[in-house]
C-alpha atoms as a PDB file:
ATOM      1  CA  MET A   1      53.054 -68.030-107.790  1.00  0.00           C
ATOM      2  CA  ILE A   2      55.453 -65.611-109.408  1.00  0.00           C
ATOM      3  CA  ILE A   3      55.706 -62.081-108.081  1.00  0.00           C
ATOM      4  CA  ASP A   4      55.782 -59.310-110.662  1.00  0.00           C
ATOM      5  CA  ARG A   5      58.660 -57.126-109.400  1.00  0.00           C
ATOM      6  CA  ARG A   6      57.329 -54.038-111.190  1.00  0.00           C
ATOM      7  CA  LYS A   7      53.893 -54.422-109.592  1.00  0.00           C
ATOM      8  CA  LEU A   8      55.500 -55.077-106.216  1.00  0.00           C
ATOM      9  CA  GLU A   9      57.621 -51.938-106.497  1.00  0.00           C
ATOM     10  CA  LEU A  10      54.562 -49.860-107.429  1.00  0.00           C
ATOM     11  CA  GLN A  11      52.696 -51.070-104.354  1.00  0.00           C
ATOM     12  CA  GLN A  12      55.824 -50.535-102.255  1.00  0.00           C
ATOM     13  CA  ALA A  13      56.045 -46.933-103.476  1.00  0.00           C
ATOM     14  CA  ARG A  14      52.354 -46.371-102.717  1.00  0.00           C
ATOM     15  CA  ALA A  15      52.971 -47.617 -99.182  1.00  0.00           C
ATOM     16  CA  SER A  16      56.155 -45.499 -98.890  1.00  0.00           C
ATOM     17  CA  LEU A  17      58.159 -48.455 -97.632  1.00  0.00           C
ATOM     18  CA  SER A  18      61.833 -49.185 -98.160  1.00  0.00           C
ATOM     19  CA  ARG A  19      62.914 -52.709 -99.011  1.00  0.00           C
ATOM     20  CA  GLU A  20      64.045 -53.264 -95.437  1.00  0.00           C
ATOM     21  CA  GLU A  21      60.804 -51.875 -93.993  1.00  0.00           C
ATOM     22  CA  LEU A  22      58.724 -54.108 -96.258  1.00  0.00           C
ATOM     23  CA  MET A  23      60.799 -57.182 -95.461  1.00  0.00           C
ATOM     24  CA  GLN A  24      60.398 -56.492 -91.740  1.00  0.00           C
ATOM     25  CA  ALA A  25      56.658 -55.765 -91.995  1.00  0.00           C
ATOM     26  CA  ALA A  26      56.104 -58.953 -94.026  1.00  0.00           C
ATOM     27  CA  ASN A  27      58.518 -60.938 -91.849  1.00  0.00           C
ATOM     28  CA  ILE A  28      60.395 -62.374 -94.830  1.00  0.00           C
ATOM     29  CA  THR A  29      64.087 -63.171 -95.191  1.00  0.00           C
ATOM     30  CA  VAL A  30      66.610 -61.673 -97.577  1.00  0.00           C
ATOM     31  CA  GLY A  31      66.682 -65.031 -99.365  1.00  0.00           C
ATOM     32  CA  ALA A  32      62.931 -64.917 -99.903  1.00  0.00           C
ATOM     33  CA  TRP A  33      63.193 -61.301-101.102  1.00  0.00           C
ATOM     34  CA  ASN A  34      65.965 -62.118-103.564  1.00  0.00           C
ATOM     35  CA  GLY A  35      63.898 -64.925-105.096  1.00  0.00           C
ATOM     36  CA  LEU A  36      60.870 -62.741-105.811  1.00  0.00           C
ATOM     37  CA  GLY A  37      60.104 -62.662-109.511  1.00  0.00           C
ATOM     38  CA  ILE A  38      62.709 -65.324-110.267  1.00  0.00           C
ATOM     39  CA  ARG A  39      61.226 -68.474-108.770  1.00  0.00           C
ATOM     40  CA  ASN A  40      57.883 -69.602-107.442  1.00  0.00           C
ATOM     41  CA  THR A  41      56.915 -67.899-104.212  1.00  0.00           C
ATOM     42  CA  THR A  42      54.796 -69.671-101.621  1.00  0.00           C
ATOM     43  CA  PRO A  43      51.227 -68.463-101.176  1.00  0.00           C
ATOM     44  CA  LYS A  44      52.089 -67.668 -97.551  1.00  0.00           C
ATOM     45  CA  THR A  45      54.889 -65.288 -98.568  1.00  0.00           C
ATOM     46  CA  VAL A  46      52.723 -63.653-101.235  1.00  0.00           C
ATOM     47  CA  GLY A  47      49.993 -63.162 -98.632  1.00  0.00           C
ATOM     48  CA  LYS A  48      52.435 -61.693 -96.120  1.00  0.00           C
ATOM     49  CA  LEU A  49      53.719 -59.196 -98.687  1.00  0.00           C
ATOM     50  CA  ALA A  50      50.222 -58.179 -99.757  1.00  0.00           C
ATOM     51  CA  ALA A  51      49.137 -57.724 -96.140  1.00  0.00           C
ATOM     52  CA  ALA A  52      52.196 -55.608 -95.359  1.00  0.00           C
ATOM     53  CA  LEU A  53      51.470 -53.466 -98.415  1.00  0.00           C
ATOM     54  CA  GLY A  54      47.737 -53.232 -97.741  1.00  0.00           C
ATOM     55  CA  CYS A  55      46.862 -54.590-101.180  1.00  0.00           C
ATOM     56  CA  ASP A  56      45.332 -57.697-102.719  1.00  0.00           C
ATOM     57  CA  VAL A  57      47.633 -60.537-103.791  1.00  0.00           C
ATOM     58  CA  LEU A  58      46.398 -60.061-107.358  1.00  0.00           C
ATOM     59  CA  ASP A  59      48.031 -56.619-107.286  1.00  0.00           C
ATOM     60  CA  ILE A  60      51.528 -58.110-106.990  1.00  0.00           C
ATOM     61  CA  ILE A  61      51.530 -61.468-108.798  1.00  0.00           C
ATOM     62  CA  ALA A  62      52.502 -61.853-112.441  1.00  0.00           C
ATOM     63  CA  ASP A  63      49.761 -62.306-114.987  1.00  0.00           C
ATOM     64  CA  ARG A  64      49.479 -65.910-116.160  1.00  0.00           C
ATOM     65  CA  LYS A  65      50.506 -66.578-119.717  1.00  0.00           C
ATOM     66  CA  GLU A  66      47.865 -68.268-121.800  1.00  0.00           C
ATOM     67  CA  ASP A  67      48.866 -71.682-123.168  1.00  0.00           C
END
């Protein structure tokens, strides 16, 4: 899964969380944070972020491109 950074930032703003607060709430590392939107993210990490933000995973993942 690829995280859409823009969608993630919108949800982060809605939750009024800083990057550090979100990383702590989701229990993810700086390395995991830095890879968001660049490389595939594990479903577990996507789920942790969505839970910390109080949103659905579909609200933060990139839309799939049609083949």
